[in-house]
């Protein structure tokens, strides 16, 4: 574990932020990064709100991490 202001602020194991790549950074990728100790980010880009909501709900089932 690496302690920095960022890891303390977000409760992370590592100060790694996944890029929010539209249509690539889905719930599965974001959850995998979060479960590994980084900060997973769902890429919303120009996605419809319904898709983003679906991805957020899916991510919540795949991880309890930030």
PDB file of N, CA and C in Angstrom:
ATOM      1  N   UNK A   1       0.846  -1.180   0.000  1.00  0.00           N
ATOM      2  CA  UNK A   1       0.000   0.000   0.000  1.00  0.00           C
ATOM      3  C   UNK A   1       0.887   1.238   0.000  1.00  0.00           C
ATOM      4  N   UNK A   2       0.507   2.211  -0.792  1.00  0.00           N
ATOM      5  CA  UNK A   2       1.248   3.459  -0.927  1.00  0.00           C
ATOM      6  C   UNK A   2       0.368   4.592  -0.409  1.00  0.00           C
ATOM      7  N   UNK A   3       0.834   5.280   0.642  1.00  0.00           N
ATOM      8  CA  UNK A   3       0.032   6.354   1.220  1.00  0.00           C
ATOM      9  C   UNK A   3       0.410   7.709   0.640  1.00  0.00           C
ATOM     10  N   UNK A   4      -0.584   8.381   0.087  1.00  0.00           N
ATOM     11  CA  UNK A   4      -0.447   9.750  -0.403  1.00  0.00           C
ATOM     12  C   UNK A   4      -1.716  10.495   0.012  1.00  0.00           C
ATOM     13  N   UNK A   5      -1.755  11.785  -0.228  1.00  0.00           N
ATOM     14  CA  UNK A   5      -2.975  12.542   0.073  1.00  0.00           C
ATOM     15  C   UNK A   5      -4.157  12.007  -0.738  1.00  0.00           C
ATOM     16  N   UNK A   6      -3.880  11.598  -1.972  1.00  0.00           N
ATOM     17  CA  UNK A   6      -4.942  11.058  -2.841  1.00  0.00           C
ATOM     18  C   UNK A   6      -5.462   9.725  -2.315  1.00  0.00           C
ATOM     19  N   UNK A   7      -4.560   8.813  -1.928  1.00  0.00           N
ATOM     20  CA  UNK A   7      -5.020   7.516  -1.423  1.00  0.00           C
ATOM     21  C   UNK A   7      -5.812   7.694  -0.136  1.00  0.00           C
ATOM     22  N   UNK A   8      -5.369   8.613   0.717  1.00  0.00           N
ATOM     23  CA  UNK A   8      -6.100   8.869   1.956  1.00  0.00           C
ATOM     24  C   UNK A   8      -7.466   9.489   1.673  1.00  0.00           C
ATOM     25  N   UNK A   9      -7.520  10.436   0.749  1.00  0.00           N
ATOM     26  CA  UNK A   9      -8.763  11.130   0.425  1.00  0.00           C
ATOM     27  C   UNK A   9      -9.831  10.183  -0.120  1.00  0.00           C
ATOM     28  N   UNK A  10      -9.420   9.280  -1.020  1.00  0.00           N
ATOM     29  CA  UNK A  10     -10.376   8.386  -1.674  1.00  0.00           C
ATOM     30  C   UNK A  10     -10.404   6.977  -1.085  1.00  0.00           C
ATOM     31  N   UNK A  11      -9.550   6.687  -0.107  1.00  0.00           N
ATOM     32  CA  UNK A  11      -9.511   5.354   0.485  1.00  0.00           C
ATOM     33  C   UNK A  11      -8.991   4.301  -0.472  1.00  0.00           C
ATOM     34  N   UNK A  12      -7.955   4.648  -1.240  1.00  0.00           N
ATOM     35  CA  UNK A  12      -7.388   3.752  -2.245  1.00  0.00           C
ATOM     36  C   UNK A  12      -6.155   3.041  -1.718  1.00  0.00           C
ATOM     37  N   UNK A  13      -5.834   1.927  -2.331  1.00  0.00           N
ATOM     38  CA  UNK A  13      -4.602   1.208  -2.021  1.00  0.00           C
ATOM     39  C   UNK A  13      -3.440   1.799  -2.816  1.00  0.00           C
ATOM     40  N   UNK A  14      -3.715   2.227  -4.033  1.00  0.00           N
ATOM     41  CA  UNK A  14      -2.694   2.794  -4.925  1.00  0.00           C
ATOM     42  C   UNK A  14      -3.203   4.104  -5.524  1.00  0.00           C
ATOM     43  N   UNK A  15      -2.331   5.085  -5.770  1.00  0.00           N
ATOM     44  CA  UNK A  15      -2.760   6.349  -6.371  1.00  0.00           C
ATOM     45  C   UNK A  15      -2.891   6.240  -7.890  1.00  0.00           C
ATOM     46  N   UNK A  16      -3.772   5.346  -8.317  1.00  0.00           N
ATOM     47  CA  UNK A  16      -3.973   5.097  -9.748  1.00  0.00           C
ATOM     48  C   UNK A  16      -5.428   5.402 -10.095  1.00  0.00           C
ATOM     49  N   UNK A  17      -5.619   6.270 -11.100  1.00  0.00           N
ATOM     50  CA  UNK A  17      -6.948   6.620 -11.584  1.00  0.00           C
ATOM     51  C   UNK A  17      -7.087   6.079 -12.999  1.00  0.00           C
ATOM     52  N   UNK A  18      -8.109   5.287 -13.227  1.00  0.00           N
ATOM     53  CA  UNK A  18      -8.380   4.765 -14.562  1.00  0.00           C
ATOM     54  C   UNK A  18      -8.970   5.880 -15.412  1.00  0.00           C
ATOM     55  N   UNK A  19      -8.541   5.993 -16.637  1.00  0.00           N
ATOM     56  CA  UNK A  19      -9.098   7.003 -17.545  1.00  0.00           C
ATOM     57  C   UNK A  19     -10.528   6.661 -17.934  1.00  0.00           C
ATOM     58  N   UNK A  20     -11.358   7.680 -18.041  1.00  0.00           N
ATOM     59  CA  UNK A  20     -12.764   7.486 -18.413  1.00  0.00           C
ATOM     60  C   UNK A  20     -12.943   7.470 -19.922  1.00  0.00           C
ATOM     61  N   UNK A  21     -12.532   6.406 -20.564  1.00  0.00           N
ATOM     62  CA  UNK A  21     -12.587   6.294 -22.029  1.00  0.00           C
ATOM     63  C   UNK A  21     -14.003   5.925 -22.475  1.00  0.00           C
ATOM     64  N   UNK A  22     -14.617   6.788 -23.254  1.00  0.00           N
ATOM     65  CA  UNK A  22     -15.995   6.557 -23.693  1.00  0.00           C
ATOM     66  C   UNK A  22     -16.129   5.220 -24.414  1.00  0.00           C
ATOM     67  N   UNK A  23     -17.157   4.468 -24.050  1.00  0.00           N
ATOM     68  CA  UNK A  23     -17.524   3.174 -24.635  1.00  0.00           C
ATOM     69  C   UNK A  23     -16.508   2.064 -24.359  1.00  0.00           C
ATOM     70  N   UNK A  24     -15.416   2.359 -23.675  1.00  0.00           N
ATOM     71  CA  UNK A  24     -14.424   1.337 -23.317  1.00  0.00           C
ATOM     72  C   UNK A  24     -14.388   1.155 -21.803  1.00  0.00           C
ATOM     73  N   UNK A  25     -14.488   2.248 -21.077  1.00  0.00           N
ATOM     74  CA  UNK A  25     -14.430   2.210 -19.618  1.00  0.00           C
ATOM     75  C   UNK A  25     -15.821   1.893 -19.072  1.00  0.00           C
ATOM     76  N   UNK A  26     -16.162   0.625 -19.140  1.00  0.00           N
ATOM     77  CA  UNK A  26     -17.472   0.160 -18.692  1.00  0.00           C
ATOM     78  C   UNK A  26     -17.419  -0.230 -17.219  1.00  0.00           C
ATOM     79  N   UNK A  27     -18.543  -0.675 -16.699  1.00  0.00           N
ATOM     80  CA  UNK A  27     -18.638  -1.087 -15.301  1.00  0.00           C
ATOM     81  C   UNK A  27     -17.629  -2.179 -14.972  1.00  0.00           C
ATOM     82  N   UNK A  28     -17.440  -3.109 -15.886  1.00  0.00           N
ATOM     83  CA  UNK A  28     -16.513  -4.215 -15.626  1.00  0.00           C
ATOM     84  C   UNK A  28     -15.082  -3.718 -15.445  1.00  0.00           C
ATOM     85  N   UNK A  29     -14.633  -2.830 -16.318  1.00  0.00           N
ATOM     86  CA  UNK A  29     -13.271  -2.298 -16.208  1.00  0.00           C
ATOM     87  C   UNK A  29     -13.136  -1.429 -14.968  1.00  0.00           C
ATOM     88  N   UNK A  30     -14.092  -0.553 -14.730  1.00  0.00           N
ATOM     89  CA  UNK A  30     -14.038   0.314 -13.557  1.00  0.00           C
ATOM     90  C   UNK A  30     -14.012  -0.508 -12.274  1.00  0.00           C
ATOM     91  N   UNK A  31     -14.826  -1.543 -12.191  1.00  0.00           N
ATOM     92  CA  UNK A  31     -14.859  -2.391 -11.002  1.00  0.00           C
ATOM     93  C   UNK A  31     -13.554  -3.157 -10.827  1.00  0.00           C
ATOM     94  N   UNK A  32     -12.984  -3.634 -11.920  1.00  0.00           N
ATOM     95  CA  UNK A  32     -11.711  -4.360 -11.838  1.00  0.00           C
ATOM     96  C   UNK A  32     -10.604  -3.454 -11.304  1.00  0.00           C
ATOM     97  N   UNK A  33     -10.550  -2.224 -11.788  1.00  0.00           N
ATOM     98  CA  UNK A  33      -9.539  -1.269 -11.307  1.00  0.00           C
ATOM     99  C   UNK A  33      -9.776  -0.965  -9.832  1.00  0.00           C
ATOM    100  N   UNK A  34     -11.016  -0.721  -9.464  1.00  0.00           N
ATOM    101  CA  UNK A  34     -11.335  -0.429  -8.067  1.00  0.00           C
ATOM    102  C   UNK A  34     -11.011  -1.612  -7.163  1.00  0.00           C
ATOM    103  N   UNK A  35     -11.357  -2.813  -7.593  1.00  0.00           N
ATOM    104  CA  UNK A  35     -11.068  -4.003  -6.792  1.00  0.00           C
ATOM    105  C   UNK A  35      -9.576  -4.256  -6.649  1.00  0.00           C
ATOM    106  N   UNK A  36      -8.785  -3.763  -7.603  1.00  0.00           N
ATOM    107  CA  UNK A  36      -7.331  -3.926  -7.544  1.00  0.00           C
ATOM    108  C   UNK A  36      -6.667  -2.835  -6.701  1.00  0.00           C
ATOM    109  N   UNK A  37      -7.438  -1.840  -6.244  1.00  0.00           N
ATOM    110  CA  UNK A  37      -6.882  -0.824  -5.363  1.00  0.00           C
ATOM    111  C   UNK A  37      -6.779   0.565  -5.943  1.00  0.00           C
ATOM    112  N   UNK A  38      -7.152   0.740  -7.215  1.00  0.00           N
ATOM    113  CA  UNK A  38      -7.133   2.067  -7.837  1.00  0.00           C
ATOM    114  C   UNK A  38      -8.521   2.680  -7.818  1.00  0.00           C
ATOM    115  N   UNK A  39      -8.708   3.736  -8.592  1.00  0.00           N
ATOM    116  CA  UNK A  39     -10.012   4.375  -8.702  1.00  0.00           C
ATOM    117  C   UNK A  39     -10.567   4.123 -10.093  1.00  0.00           C
ATOM    118  N   UNK A  40     -11.586   3.286 -10.171  1.00  0.00           N
ATOM    119  CA  UNK A  40     -12.225   2.988 -11.445  1.00  0.00           C
ATOM    120  C   UNK A  40     -13.176   4.095 -11.850  1.00  0.00           C
ATOM    121  N   UNK A  41     -13.209   4.392 -13.144  1.00  0.00           N
ATOM    122  CA  UNK A  41     -14.060   5.465 -13.657  1.00  0.00           C
ATOM    123  C   UNK A  41     -14.839   4.949 -14.866  1.00  0.00           C
ATOM    124  N   UNK A  42     -16.142   5.148 -14.844  1.00  0.00           N
ATOM    125  CA  UNK A  42     -16.982   4.771 -15.975  1.00  0.00           C
ATOM    126  C   UNK A  42     -16.969   5.920 -16.976  1.00  0.00           C
ATOM    127  N   UNK A  43     -16.649   5.620 -18.216  1.00  0.00           N
ATOM    128  CA  UNK A  43     -16.618   6.649 -19.253  1.00  0.00           C
ATOM    129  C   UNK A  43     -18.014   6.930 -19.769  1.00  0.00           C
ATOM    130  N   UNK A  44     -18.520   8.121 -19.494  1.00  0.00           N
ATOM    131  CA  UNK A  44     -19.866   8.473 -19.923  1.00  0.00           C
ATOM    132  C   UNK A  44     -19.862   9.116 -21.305  1.00  0.00           C
ATOM    133  N   UNK A  45     -18.915   9.993 -21.550  1.00  0.00           N
ATOM    134  CA  UNK A  45     -18.802  10.645 -22.854  1.00  0.00           C
ATOM    135  C   UNK A  45     -20.140  11.114 -23.389  1.00  0.00           C
ATOM    136  N   UNK A  46     -20.483  10.657 -24.574  1.00  0.00           N
ATOM    137  CA  UNK A  46     -21.765  11.032 -25.184  1.00  0.00           C
ATOM    138  C   UNK A  46     -22.788   9.901 -25.073  1.00  0.00           C
ATOM    139  N   UNK A  47     -22.588   9.023 -24.099  1.00  0.00           N
ATOM    140  CA  UNK A  47     -23.500   7.895 -23.911  1.00  0.00           C
ATOM    141  C   UNK A  47     -24.854   8.387 -23.407  1.00  0.00           C
ATOM    142  N   UNK A  48     -25.912   7.698 -23.798  1.00  0.00           N
ATOM    143  CA  UNK A  48     -27.239   8.052 -23.297  1.00  0.00           C
ATOM    144  C   UNK A  48     -27.316   7.861 -21.778  1.00  0.00           C
ATOM    145  N   UNK A  49     -28.133   8.659 -21.130  1.00  0.00           N
ATOM    146  CA  UNK A  49     -28.272   8.587 -19.676  1.00  0.00           C
ATOM    147  C   UNK A  49     -28.668   7.189 -19.217  1.00  0.00           C
ATOM    148  N   UNK A  50     -29.494   6.503 -19.982  1.00  0.00           N
ATOM    149  CA  UNK A  50     -29.926   5.154 -19.597  1.00  0.00           C
ATOM    150  C   UNK A  50     -28.747   4.189 -19.555  1.00  0.00           C
ATOM    151  N   UNK A  51     -27.813   4.321 -20.489  1.00  0.00           N
ATOM    152  CA  UNK A  51     -26.617   3.474 -20.510  1.00  0.00           C
ATOM    153  C   UNK A  51     -25.743   3.768 -19.299  1.00  0.00           C
ATOM    154  N   UNK A  52     -25.576   5.030 -18.978  1.00  0.00           N
ATOM    155  CA  UNK A  52     -24.742   5.418 -17.835  1.00  0.00           C
ATOM    156  C   UNK A  52     -25.359   4.898 -16.539  1.00  0.00           C
ATOM    157  N   UNK A  53     -26.668   5.053 -16.383  1.00  0.00           N
ATOM    158  CA  UNK A  53     -27.348   4.522 -15.193  1.00  0.00           C
ATOM    159  C   UNK A  53     -27.146   3.017 -15.081  1.00  0.00           C
ATOM    160  N   UNK A  54     -27.281   2.308 -16.190  1.00  0.00           N
ATOM    161  CA  UNK A  54     -27.094   0.854 -16.216  1.00  0.00           C
ATOM    162  C   UNK A  54     -25.677   0.488 -15.782  1.00  0.00           C
ATOM    163  N   UNK A  55     -24.695   1.218 -16.276  1.00  0.00           N
ATOM    164  CA  UNK A  55     -23.303   0.945 -15.930  1.00  0.00           C
ATOM    165  C   UNK A  55     -23.023   1.217 -14.450  1.00  0.00           C
ATOM    166  N   UNK A  56     -23.599   2.276 -13.914  1.00  0.00           N
ATOM    167  CA  UNK A  56     -23.424   2.583 -12.490  1.00  0.00           C
ATOM    168  C   UNK A  56     -24.029   1.480 -11.636  1.00  0.00           C
ATOM    169  N   UNK A  57     -25.237   1.050 -11.980  1.00  0.00           N
ATOM    170  CA  UNK A  57     -25.886  -0.028 -11.231  1.00  0.00           C
ATOM    171  C   UNK A  57     -25.070  -1.312 -11.304  1.00  0.00           C
ATOM    172  N   UNK A  58     -24.549  -1.628 -12.483  1.00  0.00           N
ATOM    173  CA  UNK A  58     -23.743  -2.829 -12.653  1.00  0.00           C
ATOM    174  C   UNK A  58     -22.462  -2.737 -11.830  1.00  0.00           C
ATOM    175  N   UNK A  59     -21.812  -1.577 -11.840  1.00  0.00           N
ATOM    176  CA  UNK A  59     -20.573  -1.390 -11.075  1.00  0.00           C
ATOM    177  C   UNK A  59     -20.822  -1.591  -9.587  1.00  0.00           C
ATOM    178  N   UNK A  60     -21.955  -1.139  -9.117  1.00  0.00           N
ATOM    179  CA  UNK A  60     -22.279  -1.299  -7.695  1.00  0.00           C
ATOM    180  C   UNK A  60     -22.428  -2.763  -7.303  1.00  0.00           C
ATOM    181  N   UNK A  61     -22.809  -3.607  -8.257  1.00  0.00           N
ATOM    182  CA  UNK A  61     -22.914  -5.038  -7.950  1.00  0.00           C
ATOM    183  C   UNK A  61     -21.559  -5.731  -8.027  1.00  0.00           C
ATOM    184  N   UNK A  62     -20.609  -5.131  -8.747  1.00  0.00           N
ATOM    185  CA  UNK A  62     -19.301  -5.754  -8.955  1.00  0.00           C
ATOM    186  C   UNK A  62     -18.241  -5.325  -7.943  1.00  0.00           C
ATOM    187  N   UNK A  63     -18.472  -4.203  -7.257  1.00  0.00           N
ATOM    188  CA  UNK A  63     -17.482  -3.729  -6.284  1.00  0.00           C
ATOM    189  C   UNK A  63     -18.145  -2.871  -5.221  1.00  0.00           C
ATOM    190  N   UNK A  64     -17.527  -2.835  -4.057  1.00  0.00           N
ATOM    191  CA  UNK A  64     -17.962  -1.907  -3.002  1.00  0.00           C
ATOM    192  C   UNK A  64     -16.881  -0.864  -2.746  1.00  0.00           C
ATOM    193  N   UNK A  65     -15.927  -0.795  -3.664  1.00  0.00           N
ATOM    194  CA  UNK A  65     -14.804   0.144  -3.568  1.00  0.00           C
ATOM    195  C   UNK A  65     -15.133   1.428  -4.326  1.00  0.00           C
ATOM    196  N   UNK A  66     -14.348   2.504  -4.032  1.00  0.00           N
ATOM    197  CA  UNK A  66     -14.575   3.757  -4.775  1.00  0.00           C
ATOM    198  C   UNK A  66     -14.164   3.643  -6.228  1.00  0.00           C
TER     199      UNK A  66
END
